Amino acid sequence: MNATPFSNQHNTSTTPADRSSSEQHQPEADSTSRTATAGERALVLGGGGSTGNAWLIGVIAGLSAAGLDVTEADLIIGTSAGSTAAAQISGASPNELLAAILDAASQPSTTAPGRDRRPPAMGPVVNQLQRLREIIDSAADVADLRRRLGAAASDRDATADGPRQLQWRATVAARLPSQDWPDRRMFITAIDADTGEPVVFDRHSGVELVDAIAASCSNGFGLPPYRIGDRRYLDGGYRSNAENADLALGYGRVLVLSPFGGRSLHPPAWGTHLATQIEELRAHGSRVETIFPDPDAEHMFGANAMDLSLRPAAARAGFEQGRARAELLAPFWR
């Protein structure tokens, strides 16, 4: 899951991890300037690490508890931790998912006192953020940044298709209520680690859902690039920003849930901030609403995004926000 606050218009089809290179599809361009019938609804779920995932589930469960079901959106866009949430709400009810987060907190820990509870291979988030800032500072634009991130990830770990990848795939699979792509439209974002090109997976890409999500959550710092076929992929938060709301272009109503509150480490001149994407959506006729964490919950994200002990609190905070916002959002969404 992306622990970093972060458009290009490329949509790439790839192939399952177990296909030979001779069987693989060639990438297909599919620009973000898609047309959609007026009134269609898009739900954008941004990245934000483990706590961000819990907050997203909490918000959606809170909205549902107050009578507003956003899981029936015509399009769901998931980035990094948001990609996991997108698959989760497509296979289980928000209430079930929220209960699972809260129940996990009540289970006795199997980790010895003083031991690191982060997932294996996840380095300190603060170090990752510092390294990311250094790479951003050296980049000319977002396309250059993506290429540099891919090169840096390749330099750090050339074993993306080894036991570590199998372990990561199993971890991601265990989080999903279903291994199948939903019938409704869902986009999972990533970037090609070798070319820096932005990638969007969907049920027509020839990629299993678990592989698409594992790719979208592989940040290249604690987790190496994720291999699917003969291509390697990195976190969808590097495509543009942690939300990738531009992919909802053409949809009449767009609801953006952003654990990072729309913040970005990119220079504003790059034009990749969420606020810029929202302006573009509105300029093309979309109505857009956002939900960001309340100020008193912001400490659970950013540098603390991979602190598993904060997941229950993040989920509860999201639930209260969702329940509080439901009445105001109902006329917009229904």
C-alpha atoms as a PDB file:
ATOM      1  CA  MET A   1       0.000   0.000   0.000  1.00  0.00           C
ATOM      2  CA  ASN A   2       1.188   3.409  -0.829  1.00  0.00           C
ATOM      3  CA  ALA A   3       2.577   5.224   2.175  1.00  0.00           C
ATOM      4  CA  THR A   4       3.311   8.375   0.203  1.00  0.00           C
ATOM      5  CA  PRO A   5       1.041  11.342  -0.519  1.00  0.00           C
ATOM      6  CA  PHE A   6       1.081  11.851  -4.316  1.00  0.00           C
ATOM      7  CA  SER A   7      -1.683  12.316 -15.205  1.00  0.00           C
ATOM      8  CA  ASN A   8      -0.987  10.723 -17.683  1.00  0.00           C
ATOM      9  CA  GLN A   9      -3.544   9.415 -20.079  1.00  0.00           C
ATOM     10  CA  HIS A  10      -2.319   5.955 -20.879  1.00  0.00           C
ATOM     11  CA  ASN A  11      -4.304   2.825 -20.097  1.00  0.00           C
ATOM     12  CA  THR A  12      -2.303  -0.345 -20.581  1.00  0.00           C
ATOM     13  CA  SER A  13      -3.470  -3.916 -20.927  1.00  0.00           C
ATOM     14  CA  THR A  14      -1.077  -6.573 -19.668  1.00  0.00           C
ATOM     15  CA  THR A  15      -1.240 -10.295 -19.068  1.00  0.00           C
ATOM     16  CA  PRO A  16      -1.319 -12.747 -16.173  1.00  0.00           C
ATOM     17  CA  ALA A  17       1.908 -13.517 -14.388  1.00  0.00           C
ATOM     18  CA  ASP A  18       1.995 -17.121 -15.586  1.00  0.00           C
ATOM     19  CA  ARG A  19       1.782 -16.471 -19.336  1.00  0.00           C
ATOM     20  CA  SER A  20       4.848 -16.829 -21.514  1.00  0.00           C
ATOM     21  CA  SER A  21       6.105 -13.752 -23.330  1.00  0.00           C
ATOM     22  CA  SER A  22       4.940 -15.197 -26.654  1.00  0.00           C
ATOM     23  CA  GLU A  23       1.340 -15.205 -25.399  1.00  0.00           C
ATOM     24  CA  GLN A  24       1.313 -11.706 -23.987  1.00  0.00           C
ATOM     25  CA  HIS A  25      -0.894  -8.891 -25.240  1.00  0.00           C
ATOM     26  CA  GLN A  26       0.715  -5.743 -26.502  1.00  0.00           C
ATOM     27  CA  PRO A  27      -0.103  -2.653 -24.422  1.00  0.00           C
ATOM     28  CA  GLU A  28      -3.174  -0.817 -25.637  1.00  0.00           C
ATOM     29  CA  ALA A  29      -3.567   2.945 -25.311  1.00  0.00           C
ATOM     30  CA  ASP A  30      -6.873   4.100 -23.859  1.00  0.00           C
ATOM     31  CA  SER A  31      -6.861   7.788 -23.038  1.00  0.00           C
ATOM     32  CA  THR A  32      -8.553   9.209 -19.983  1.00  0.00           C
ATOM     33  CA  SER A  33     -10.836  11.310 -22.169  1.00  0.00           C
ATOM     34  CA  ARG A  34     -13.533   8.629 -21.970  1.00  0.00           C
ATOM     35  CA  THR A  35     -17.128   9.525 -22.668  1.00  0.00           C
ATOM     36  CA  ALA A  36     -19.822   8.551 -20.206  1.00  0.00           C
ATOM     37  CA  THR A  37     -23.552   8.998 -19.964  1.00  0.00           C
ATOM     38  CA  ALA A  38     -24.554  12.004 -17.885  1.00  0.00           C
ATOM     39  CA  GLY A  39     -25.483  10.945 -14.387  1.00  0.00           C
ATOM     40  CA  GLU A  40     -23.049   8.034 -14.110  1.00  0.00           C
ATOM     41  CA  ARG A  41     -21.290   7.934 -10.773  1.00  0.00           C
ATOM     42  CA  ALA A  42     -17.592   7.378 -10.104  1.00  0.00           C
ATOM     43  CA  LEU A  43     -16.081   6.558  -6.722  1.00  0.00           C
ATOM     44  CA  VAL A  44     -12.379   7.396  -6.354  1.00  0.00           C
ATOM     45  CA  LEU A  45     -10.487   5.636  -3.551  1.00  0.00           C
ATOM     46  CA  GLY A  46      -7.057   7.124  -2.944  1.00  0.00           C
ATOM     47  CA  GLY A  47      -3.915   5.552  -1.551  1.00  0.00           C
ATOM     48  CA  GLY A  48      -2.843   5.972   2.035  1.00  0.00           C
ATOM     49  CA  GLY A  49      -1.191   2.879   3.441  1.00  0.00           C
ATOM     50  CA  SER A  50      -2.694   0.483   5.950  1.00  0.00           C
ATOM     51  CA  THR A  51      -4.399   3.206   7.968  1.00  0.00           C
ATOM     52  CA  GLY A  52      -5.682   4.781   4.767  1.00  0.00           C
ATOM     53  CA  ASN A  53      -7.324   1.518   3.764  1.00  0.00           C
ATOM     54  CA  ALA A  54      -9.001   1.265   7.166  1.00  0.00           C
ATOM     55  CA  TRP A  55     -10.204   4.876   6.951  1.00  0.00           C
ATOM     56  CA  LEU A  56     -11.668   4.294   3.483  1.00  0.00           C
ATOM     57  CA  ILE A  57     -13.588   1.248   4.704  1.00  0.00           C
ATOM     58  CA  GLY A  58     -14.776   3.236   7.710  1.00  0.00           C
ATOM     59  CA  VAL A  59     -16.050   6.138   5.591  1.00  0.00           C
ATOM     60  CA  ILE A  60     -17.928   3.829   3.222  1.00  0.00           C
ATOM     61  CA  ALA A  61     -19.397   1.884   6.156  1.00  0.00           C
ATOM     62  CA  GLY A  62     -20.455   5.128   7.828  1.00  0.00           C
ATOM     63  CA  LEU A  63     -22.166   6.351   4.674  1.00  0.00           C
ATOM     64  CA  SER A  64     -23.906   2.990   4.364  1.00  0.00           C
ATOM     65  CA  ALA A  65     -25.038   3.017   7.990  1.00  0.00           C
ATOM     66  CA  ALA A  66     -26.679   6.388   7.343  1.00  0.00           C
ATOM     67  CA  GLY A  67     -28.473   5.063   4.277  1.00  0.00           C
ATOM     68  CA  LEU A  68     -26.113   6.082   1.467  1.00  0.00           C
ATOM     69  CA  ASP A  69     -24.618   3.197  -0.516  1.00  0.00           C
ATOM     70  CA  VAL A  70     -21.673   4.356  -2.639  1.00  0.00           C
ATOM     71  CA  THR A  71     -20.504   0.831  -3.467  1.00  0.00           C
ATOM     72  CA  GLU A  72     -22.931   0.728  -6.411  1.00  0.00           C
ATOM     73  CA  ALA A  73     -20.946   3.335  -8.321  1.00  0.00           C
ATOM     74  CA  ASP A  74     -20.750   2.841 -12.075  1.00  0.00           C
ATOM     75  CA  LEU A  75     -16.965   3.174 -11.870  1.00  0.00           C
ATOM     76  CA  ILE A  76     -14.618   2.586  -8.946  1.00  0.00           C
ATOM     77  CA  ILE A  77     -11.036   3.840  -9.260  1.00  0.00           C
ATOM     78  CA  GLY A  78      -8.571   2.314  -6.794  1.00  0.00           C
ATOM     79  CA  THR A  79      -5.001   3.401  -6.204  1.00  0.00           C
ATOM     80  CA  SER A  80      -2.594   1.529  -3.930  1.00  0.00           C
ATOM     81  CA  ALA A  81      -4.403   1.064  -0.593  1.00  0.00           C
ATOM     82  CA  GLY A  82      -7.492   2.305  -2.402  1.00  0.00           C
ATOM     83  CA  SER A  83      -7.193  -0.550  -4.889  1.00  0.00           C
ATOM     84  CA  THR A  84      -7.474  -3.020  -2.018  1.00  0.00           C
ATOM     85  CA  ALA A  85     -10.498  -1.153  -0.668  1.00  0.00           C
ATOM     86  CA  ALA A  86     -12.073  -1.113  -4.139  1.00  0.00           C
ATOM     87  CA  ALA A  87     -11.851  -4.893  -4.386  1.00  0.00           C
ATOM     88  CA  GLN A  88     -12.980  -5.368  -0.794  1.00  0.00           C
ATOM     89  CA  ILE A  89     -16.195  -3.343  -1.131  1.00  0.00           C
ATOM     90  CA  SER A  90     -16.961  -5.204  -4.352  1.00  0.00           C
ATOM     91  CA  GLY A  91     -16.896  -8.554  -2.562  1.00  0.00           C
ATOM     92  CA  ALA A  92     -18.230  -7.885   0.939  1.00  0.00           C
ATOM     93  CA  SER A  93     -20.514  -5.426   2.684  1.00  0.00           C
ATOM     94  CA  PRO A  94     -18.952  -2.310   4.229  1.00  0.00           C
ATOM     95  CA  ASN A  95     -20.267  -3.364   7.633  1.00  0.00           C
ATOM     96  CA  GLU A  96     -18.565  -6.760   7.369  1.00  0.00           C
ATOM     97  CA  LEU A  97     -15.298  -5.146   6.334  1.00  0.00           C
ATOM     98  CA  LEU A  98     -15.452  -2.631   9.180  1.00  0.00           C
ATOM     99  CA  ALA A  99     -16.222  -5.379  11.683  1.00  0.00           C
ATOM    100  CA  ALA A 100     -13.216  -7.364  10.459  1.00  0.00           C
ATOM    101  CA  ILE A 101     -10.910  -4.401  11.107  1.00  0.00           C
ATOM    102  CA  LEU A 102     -12.302  -3.830  14.583  1.00  0.00           C
ATOM    103  CA  ASP A 103     -12.364  -7.550  15.426  1.00  0.00           C
ATOM    104  CA  ALA A 104      -8.702  -7.900  14.435  1.00  0.00           C
ATOM    105  CA  ALA A 105      -7.819  -5.307  17.060  1.00  0.00           C
ATOM    106  CA  SER A 106      -9.438  -7.402  19.781  1.00  0.00           C
ATOM    107  CA  GLN A 107      -7.489 -10.542  18.893  1.00  0.00           C
ATOM    108  CA  PRO A 108      -4.421 -11.312  21.026  1.00  0.00           C
ATOM    109  CA  SER A 109      -1.208 -10.351  19.281  1.00  0.00           C
ATOM    110  CA  THR A 110       1.110 -13.112  18.123  1.00  0.00           C
ATOM    111  CA  THR A 111       3.985 -10.651  17.892  1.00  0.00           C
ATOM    112  CA  ALA A 112       6.483 -10.699  20.729  1.00  0.00           C
ATOM    113  CA  PRO A 113       6.686  -7.488  22.773  1.00  0.00           C
ATOM    114  CA  GLY A 114       9.053  -5.002  21.205  1.00  0.00           C
ATOM    115  CA  ARG A 115       8.998  -6.710  17.814  1.00  0.00           C
ATOM    116  CA  ASP A 116       8.293  -4.711  14.661  1.00  0.00           C
ATOM    117  CA  ARG A 117       4.678  -5.257  13.582  1.00  0.00           C
ATOM    118  CA  ARG A 118       5.148  -3.900  10.069  1.00  0.00           C
ATOM    119  CA  PRO A 119       4.774  -6.352   7.198  1.00  0.00           C
ATOM    120  CA  PRO A 120       8.022  -8.101   6.193  1.00  0.00           C
ATOM    121  CA  ALA A 121      10.296  -5.991   3.964  1.00  0.00           C
ATOM    122  CA  MET A 122       8.591  -2.709   4.889  1.00  0.00           C
ATOM    123  CA  GLY A 123      11.261  -0.248   5.930  1.00  0.00           C
ATOM    124  CA  PRO A 124      10.604   2.776   8.091  1.00  0.00           C
ATOM    125  CA  VAL A 125       8.106   4.972   6.289  1.00  0.00           C
ATOM    126  CA  VAL A 126       9.932   8.144   7.271  1.00  0.00           C
ATOM    127  CA  ASN A 127      13.038   6.936   5.405  1.00  0.00           C
ATOM    128  CA  GLN A 128      10.938   6.090   2.365  1.00  0.00           C
ATOM    129  CA  LEU A 129       9.385   9.544   2.373  1.00  0.00           C
ATOM    130  CA  GLN A 130      12.807  11.162   2.564  1.00  0.00           C
ATOM    131  CA  ARG A 131      14.106   9.101  -0.345  1.00  0.00           C
ATOM    132  CA  LEU A 132      10.976   9.902  -2.326  1.00  0.00           C
ATOM    133  CA  ARG A 133      11.438  13.623  -1.738  1.00  0.00           C
ATOM    134  CA  GLU A 134      15.013  13.363  -3.000  1.00  0.00           C
ATOM    135  CA  ILE A 135      13.875  11.662  -6.206  1.00  0.00           C
ATOM    136  CA  ILE A 136      11.108  14.230  -6.715  1.00  0.00           C
ATOM    137  CA  ASP A 137      13.603  17.066  -6.266  1.00  0.00           C
ATOM    138  CA  SER A 138      15.809  15.593  -8.989  1.00  0.00           C
ATOM    139  CA  ALA A 139      12.973  15.078 -11.492  1.00  0.00           C
ATOM    140  CA  ALA A 140      11.984  17.498 -14.246  1.00  0.00           C
ATOM    141  CA  ASP A 141       8.317  16.489 -14.345  1.00  0.00           C
ATOM    142  CA  VAL A 142       6.020  13.632 -13.381  1.00  0.00           C
ATOM    143  CA  ALA A 143       7.024  11.500 -16.386  1.00  0.00           C
ATOM    144  CA  ASP A 144      10.688  11.890 -15.452  1.00  0.00           C
ATOM    145  CA  LEU A 145       9.787  11.086 -11.842  1.00  0.00           C
ATOM    146  CA  ARG A 146       8.142   7.820 -12.831  1.00  0.00           C
ATOM    147  CA  ARG A 147      11.210   6.769 -14.815  1.00  0.00           C
ATOM    148  CA  ARG A 148      13.512   7.644 -11.925  1.00  0.00           C
ATOM    149  CA  LEU A 149      11.353   5.746  -9.436  1.00  0.00           C
ATOM    150  CA  GLY A 150      11.438   2.682 -11.655  1.00  0.00           C
ATOM    151  CA  ALA A 151      15.210   2.873 -12.029  1.00  0.00           C
ATOM    152  CA  ALA A 152      15.709   3.362  -8.297  1.00  0.00           C
ATOM    153  CA  ALA A 153      13.474   0.410  -7.464  1.00  0.00           C
ATOM    154  CA  SER A 154      15.319  -1.792  -9.951  1.00  0.00           C
ATOM    155  CA  ASP A 155      18.661  -0.817  -8.435  1.00  0.00           C
ATOM    156  CA  ARG A 156      17.509  -1.713  -4.925  1.00  0.00           C
ATOM    157  CA  ASP A 157      16.031  -5.107  -5.636  1.00  0.00           C
ATOM    158  CA  ALA A 158      16.295  -7.260  -8.738  1.00  0.00           C
ATOM    159  CA  THR A 159      14.388 -10.217  -7.233  1.00  0.00           C
ATOM    160  CA  ALA A 160      10.833  -9.016  -7.802  1.00  0.00           C
ATOM    161  CA  ASP A 161       9.711 -12.379  -9.203  1.00  0.00           C
ATOM    162  CA  GLY A 162      11.199 -14.541  -6.434  1.00  0.00           C
ATOM    163  CA  PRO A 163       9.882 -15.832  -3.105  1.00  0.00           C
ATOM    164  CA  ARG A 164       9.310 -12.288  -1.929  1.00  0.00           C
ATOM    165  CA  GLN A 165       6.798 -11.680  -4.705  1.00  0.00           C
ATOM    166  CA  LEU A 166       5.002 -14.943  -3.937  1.00  0.00           C
ATOM    167  CA  GLN A 167       4.746 -13.930  -0.296  1.00  0.00           C
ATOM    168  CA  TRP A 168       3.406 -10.503  -1.234  1.00  0.00           C
ATOM    169  CA  ARG A 169       0.858 -12.004  -3.615  1.00  0.00           C
ATOM    170  CA  ALA A 170      -0.393 -14.340  -0.883  1.00  0.00           C
ATOM    171  CA  THR A 171      -0.657 -11.413   1.534  1.00  0.00           C
ATOM    172  CA  VAL A 172      -2.743  -9.409  -0.926  1.00  0.00           C
ATOM    173  CA  ALA A 173      -4.936 -12.399  -1.803  1.00  0.00           C
ATOM    174  CA  ALA A 174      -5.730 -12.976   1.874  1.00  0.00           C
ATOM    175  CA  ARG A 175      -7.171  -9.450   2.105  1.00  0.00           C
ATOM    176  CA  LEU A 176      -9.688  -9.934  -0.701  1.00  0.00           C
ATOM    177  CA  PRO A 177     -13.204 -11.343  -0.190  1.00  0.00           C
ATOM    178  CA  SER A 178     -13.145 -12.528  -3.812  1.00  0.00           C
ATOM    179  CA  GLN A 179     -10.378 -13.215  -6.306  1.00  0.00           C
ATOM    180  CA  ASP A 180     -12.605 -12.281  -9.255  1.00  0.00           C
ATOM    181  CA  TRP A 181     -12.982  -8.939 -10.962  1.00  0.00           C
ATOM    182  CA  PRO A 182     -16.432  -7.462 -10.291  1.00  0.00           C
ATOM    183  CA  ASP A 183     -18.917  -7.050 -13.126  1.00  0.00           C
ATOM    184  CA  ARG A 184     -19.022  -3.298 -12.606  1.00  0.00           C
ATOM    185  CA  ARG A 185     -16.286  -1.113 -14.059  1.00  0.00           C
ATOM    186  CA  MET A 186     -13.186  -0.913 -11.880  1.00  0.00           C
ATOM    187  CA  PHE A 187      -9.821   0.681 -12.648  1.00  0.00           C
ATOM    188  CA  ILE A 188      -6.674  -0.285 -10.710  1.00  0.00           C
ATOM    189  CA  THR A 189      -3.720   2.041 -11.272  1.00  0.00           C
ATOM    190  CA  ALA A 190       0.021   1.342 -11.489  1.00  0.00           C
ATOM    191  CA  ILE A 191       3.081   2.366 -13.501  1.00  0.00           C
ATOM    192  CA  ASP A 192       5.433   0.309 -15.635  1.00  0.00           C
ATOM    193  CA  ALA A 193       8.675   0.138 -13.646  1.00  0.00           C
ATOM    194  CA  ASP A 194      10.829  -0.210 -16.756  1.00  0.00           C
ATOM    195  CA  THR A 195       9.352   2.535 -18.936  1.00  0.00           C
ATOM    196  CA  GLY A 196       7.679   4.811 -16.396  1.00  0.00           C
ATOM    197  CA  GLU A 197       4.457   4.671 -18.416  1.00  0.00           C
ATOM    198  CA  PRO A 198       1.194   4.921 -16.453  1.00  0.00           C
ATOM    199  CA  VAL A 199      -0.950   1.793 -16.405  1.00  0.00           C
ATOM    200  CA  VAL A 200      -4.612   1.122 -15.704  1.00  0.00           C
ATOM    201  CA  PHE A 201      -5.801  -2.443 -15.151  1.00  0.00           C
ATOM    202  CA  ASP A 202      -9.413  -3.528 -15.509  1.00  0.00           C
ATOM    203  CA  ARG A 203     -11.278  -6.798 -15.981  1.00  0.00           C
ATOM    204  CA  HIS A 204     -10.437  -6.741 -19.697  1.00  0.00           C
ATOM    205  CA  SER A 205      -6.663  -6.476 -19.181  1.00  0.00           C
ATOM    206  CA  GLY A 206      -6.025 -10.211 -18.919  1.00  0.00           C
ATOM    207  CA  VAL A 207      -4.569  -9.744 -15.430  1.00  0.00           C
ATOM    208  CA  GLU A 208      -5.885 -11.414 -12.300  1.00  0.00           C
ATOM    209  CA  LEU A 209      -7.380  -9.046  -9.746  1.00  0.00           C
ATOM    210  CA  VAL A 210      -4.903 -10.019  -7.039  1.00  0.00           C
ATOM    211  CA  ASP A 211      -1.973  -9.281  -9.367  1.00  0.00           C
ATOM    212  CA  ALA A 212      -3.359  -5.884 -10.340  1.00  0.00           C
ATOM    213  CA  ILE A 213      -3.733  -4.920  -6.677  1.00  0.00           C
ATOM    214  CA  ALA A 214      -0.329  -6.303  -5.712  1.00  0.00           C
ATOM    215  CA  ALA A 215       1.200  -4.184  -8.477  1.00  0.00           C
ATOM    216  CA  SER A 216      -0.716  -1.070  -7.428  1.00  0.00           C
ATOM    217  CA  CYS A 217       0.543  -1.473  -3.853  1.00  0.00           C
ATOM    218  CA  SER A 218       4.231  -2.193  -4.610  1.00  0.00           C
ATOM    219  CA  ASN A 219       5.934   1.053  -3.677  1.00  0.00           C
ATOM    220  CA  GLY A 220       9.467   0.118  -4.768  1.00  0.00           C
ATOM    221  CA  PHE A 221      10.992   0.974  -1.400  1.00  0.00           C
ATOM    222  CA  GLY A 222       9.927  -1.717   1.059  1.00  0.00           C
ATOM    223  CA  LEU A 223       8.379  -3.790  -1.719  1.00  0.00           C
ATOM    224  CA  PRO A 224      10.126  -4.347  -5.070  1.00  0.00           C
ATOM    225  CA  PRO A 225       8.446  -3.930  -8.457  1.00  0.00           C
ATOM    226  CA  TYR A 226       5.761  -6.540  -9.025  1.00  0.00           C
ATOM    227  CA  ARG A 227       6.172  -8.775 -12.055  1.00  0.00           C
ATOM    228  CA  ILE A 228       3.258  -9.723 -14.303  1.00  0.00           C
ATOM    229  CA  GLY A 229       4.386 -11.658 -17.357  1.00  0.00           C
ATOM    230  CA  ASP A 230       7.504  -9.953 -18.678  1.00  0.00           C
ATOM    231  CA  ARG A 231       6.630  -6.522 -17.236  1.00  0.00           C
ATOM    232  CA  ARG A 232       7.266  -5.077 -13.787  1.00  0.00           C
ATOM    233  CA  TYR A 233       4.988  -2.601 -12.074  1.00  0.00           C
ATOM    234  CA  LEU A 234       5.036  -0.063  -9.265  1.00  0.00           C
ATOM    235  CA  ASP A 235       2.563   1.712  -7.008  1.00  0.00           C
ATOM    236  CA  GLY A 236      -0.379   3.437  -8.662  1.00  0.00           C
ATOM    237  CA  GLY A 237       0.253   6.494  -6.501  1.00  0.00           C
ATOM    238  CA  TYR A 238       3.202   7.296  -8.769  1.00  0.00           C
ATOM    239  CA  ARG A 239       1.004   7.575 -11.860  1.00  0.00           C
ATOM    240  CA  SER A 240      -0.089  11.099 -11.017  1.00  0.00           C
ATOM    241  CA  ASN A 241      -1.083  11.393  -7.370  1.00  0.00           C
ATOM    242  CA  ALA A 242      -2.581   9.226  -4.647  1.00  0.00           C
ATOM    243  CA  GLU A 243      -6.082   9.564  -6.104  1.00  0.00           C
ATOM    244  CA  ASN A 244      -5.844   9.553  -9.927  1.00  0.00           C
ATOM    245  CA  ALA A 245      -9.242  11.245 -10.088  1.00  0.00           C
ATOM    246  CA  ASP A 246      -8.604  12.294 -13.698  1.00  0.00           C
ATOM    247  CA  LEU A 247      -9.615   8.776 -14.735  1.00  0.00           C
ATOM    248  CA  ALA A 248     -13.209   9.710 -13.857  1.00  0.00           C
ATOM    249  CA  LEU A 249     -13.323  12.256 -16.692  1.00  0.00           C
ATOM    250  CA  GLY A 250     -16.745  12.148 -18.338  1.00  0.00           C
ATOM    251  CA  TYR A 251     -18.664  10.873 -15.310  1.00  0.00           C
ATOM    252  CA  GLY A 252     -21.462  13.093 -14.103  1.00  0.00           C
ATOM    253  CA  ARG A 253     -20.866  12.722 -10.369  1.00  0.00           C
ATOM    254  CA  VAL A 254     -17.497  11.941  -8.818  1.00  0.00           C
ATOM    255  CA  LEU A 255     -16.929  11.236  -5.124  1.00  0.00           C
ATOM    256  CA  VAL A 256     -13.274  11.288  -4.055  1.00  0.00           C
ATOM    257  CA  LEU A 257     -12.156   9.730  -0.763  1.00  0.00           C
ATOM    258  CA  SER A 258      -8.556  10.753  -0.050  1.00  0.00           C
ATOM    259  CA  PRO A 259      -6.739   9.523   3.081  1.00  0.00           C
ATOM    260  CA  PHE A 260      -3.952  12.020   2.352  1.00  0.00           C
ATOM    261  CA  GLY A 261      -6.428  14.881   2.099  1.00  0.00           C
ATOM    262  CA  GLY A 262      -5.450  15.675  -1.478  1.00  0.00           C
ATOM    263  CA  ARG A 263      -1.922  16.648  -0.484  1.00  0.00           C
ATOM    264  CA  SER A 264       1.013  15.965  -2.792  1.00  0.00           C
ATOM    265  CA  LEU A 265       4.793  16.158  -2.599  1.00  0.00           C
ATOM    266  CA  HIS A 266       4.929  17.225  -6.244  1.00  0.00           C
ATOM    267  CA  PRO A 267       5.649  20.833  -7.241  1.00  0.00           C
ATOM    268  CA  PRO A 268       2.329  22.559  -8.077  1.00  0.00           C
ATOM    269  CA  ALA A 269       3.734  23.441 -11.516  1.00  0.00           C
ATOM    270  CA  TRP A 270       3.536  19.777 -12.493  1.00  0.00           C
ATOM    271  CA  GLY A 271      -0.255  20.011 -12.479  1.00  0.00           C
ATOM    272  CA  THR A 272      -0.708  16.667 -10.731  1.00  0.00           C
ATOM    273  CA  HIS A 273      -2.357  17.811  -7.503  1.00  0.00           C
ATOM    274  CA  LEU A 274      -5.845  16.543  -6.751  1.00  0.00           C
ATOM    275  CA  ALA A 275      -7.183  20.107  -6.760  1.00  0.00           C
ATOM    276  CA  THR A 276      -6.028  20.506 -10.365  1.00  0.00           C
ATOM    277  CA  GLN A 277      -7.698  17.254 -11.385  1.00  0.00           C
ATOM    278  CA  ILE A 278     -10.932  18.311  -9.704  1.00  0.00           C
ATOM    279  CA  GLU A 279     -10.851  21.607 -11.593  1.00  0.00           C
ATOM    280  CA  GLU A 280     -10.461  19.677 -14.848  1.00  0.00           C
ATOM    281  CA  LEU A 281     -13.329  17.330 -14.004  1.00  0.00           C
ATOM    282  CA  ARG A 282     -15.615  20.245 -13.199  1.00  0.00           C
ATOM    283  CA  ALA A 283     -14.550  22.068 -16.350  1.00  0.00           C
ATOM    284  CA  HIS A 284     -15.783  19.054 -18.319  1.00  0.00           C
ATOM    285  CA  GLY A 285     -19.146  19.021 -16.567  1.00  0.00           C
ATOM    286  CA  SER A 286     -18.626  16.671 -13.623  1.00  0.00           C
ATOM    287  CA  ARG A 287     -19.958  17.443 -10.178  1.00  0.00           C
ATOM    288  CA  VAL A 288     -17.272  16.520  -7.649  1.00  0.00           C
ATOM    289  CA  GLU A 289     -17.375  16.037  -3.887  1.00  0.00           C
ATOM    290  CA  THR A 290     -14.497  15.025  -1.614  1.00  0.00           C
ATOM    291  CA  ILE A 291     -14.064  13.504   1.822  1.00  0.00           C
ATOM    292  CA  PHE A 292     -10.739  14.041   3.602  1.00  0.00           C
ATOM    293  CA  PRO A 293      -9.745  12.944   7.122  1.00  0.00           C
ATOM    294  CA  ASP A 294     -10.680  15.375   9.865  1.00  0.00           C
ATOM    295  CA  PRO A 295      -7.738  17.348  11.308  1.00  0.00           C
ATOM    296  CA  ASP A 296      -7.744  15.328  14.523  1.00  0.00           C
ATOM    297  CA  ALA A 297      -7.249  12.122  12.504  1.00  0.00           C
ATOM    298  CA  GLU A 298      -4.461  13.326  10.213  1.00  0.00           C
ATOM    299  CA  HIS A 299      -1.718  11.994  12.502  1.00  0.00           C
ATOM    300  CA  MET A 300      -2.715   8.456  11.497  1.00  0.00           C
ATOM    301  CA  PHE A 301      -1.590   8.956   7.901  1.00  0.00           C
ATOM    302  CA  GLY A 302       1.627  10.001   6.180  1.00  0.00           C
ATOM    303  CA  ALA A 303       4.554   8.766   8.276  1.00  0.00           C
ATOM    304  CA  ASN A 304       2.182   6.591  10.350  1.00  0.00           C
ATOM    305  CA  ALA A 305       0.385   5.077   7.374  1.00  0.00           C
ATOM    306  CA  MET A 306       1.826   1.596   7.936  1.00  0.00           C
ATOM    307  CA  ASP A 307       1.223   1.474  11.702  1.00  0.00           C
ATOM    308  CA  LEU A 308      -1.144  -1.484  11.983  1.00  0.00           C
ATOM    309  CA  SER A 309      -2.059  -0.560  15.548  1.00  0.00           C
ATOM    310  CA  LEU A 310      -3.780   2.581  14.218  1.00  0.00           C
ATOM    311  CA  ARG A 311      -6.106   0.749  11.822  1.00  0.00           C
ATOM    312  CA  PRO A 312      -9.045   0.461  14.250  1.00  0.00           C
ATOM    313  CA  ALA A 313      -8.850   4.146  15.175  1.00  0.00           C
ATOM    314  CA  ALA A 314      -8.600   5.126  11.509  1.00  0.00           C
ATOM    315  CA  ALA A 315     -11.624   2.980  10.666  1.00  0.00           C
ATOM    316  CA  ARG A 316     -13.662   4.486  13.502  1.00  0.00           C
ATOM    317  CA  ALA A 317     -12.688   8.011  12.455  1.00  0.00           C
ATOM    318  CA  GLY A 318     -13.724   7.254   8.888  1.00  0.00           C
ATOM    319  CA  PHE A 319     -17.006   5.730  10.042  1.00  0.00           C
ATOM    320  CA  GLU A 320     -17.948   8.826  12.017  1.00  0.00           C
ATOM    321  CA  GLN A 321     -17.068  11.064   9.073  1.00  0.00           C
ATOM    322  CA  GLY A 322     -19.076   8.974   6.651  1.00  0.00           C
ATOM    323  CA  ARG A 323     -22.103   8.894   8.893  1.00  0.00           C
ATOM    324  CA  ALA A 324     -21.891  12.651   9.434  1.00  0.00           C
ATOM    325  CA  ARG A 325     -21.554  13.448   5.707  1.00  0.00           C
ATOM    326  CA  ALA A 326     -24.222  11.094   4.386  1.00  0.00           C
ATOM    327  CA  GLU A 327     -27.179  13.465   4.627  1.00  0.00           C
ATOM    328  CA  LEU A 328     -25.370  16.250   2.787  1.00  0.00           C
ATOM    329  CA  LEU A 329     -24.055  13.895   0.102  1.00  0.00           C
ATOM    330  CA  ALA A 330     -27.337  12.088  -0.524  1.00  0.00           C
ATOM    331  CA  PRO A 331     -28.808  14.639  -2.997  1.00  0.00           C
ATOM    332  CA  PHE A 332     -25.505  14.663  -4.887  1.00  0.00           C
ATOM    333  CA  TRP A 333     -25.126  10.897  -5.134  1.00  0.00           C
ATOM    334  CA  ARG A 334     -28.673   9.624  -5.596  1.00  0.00           C
END
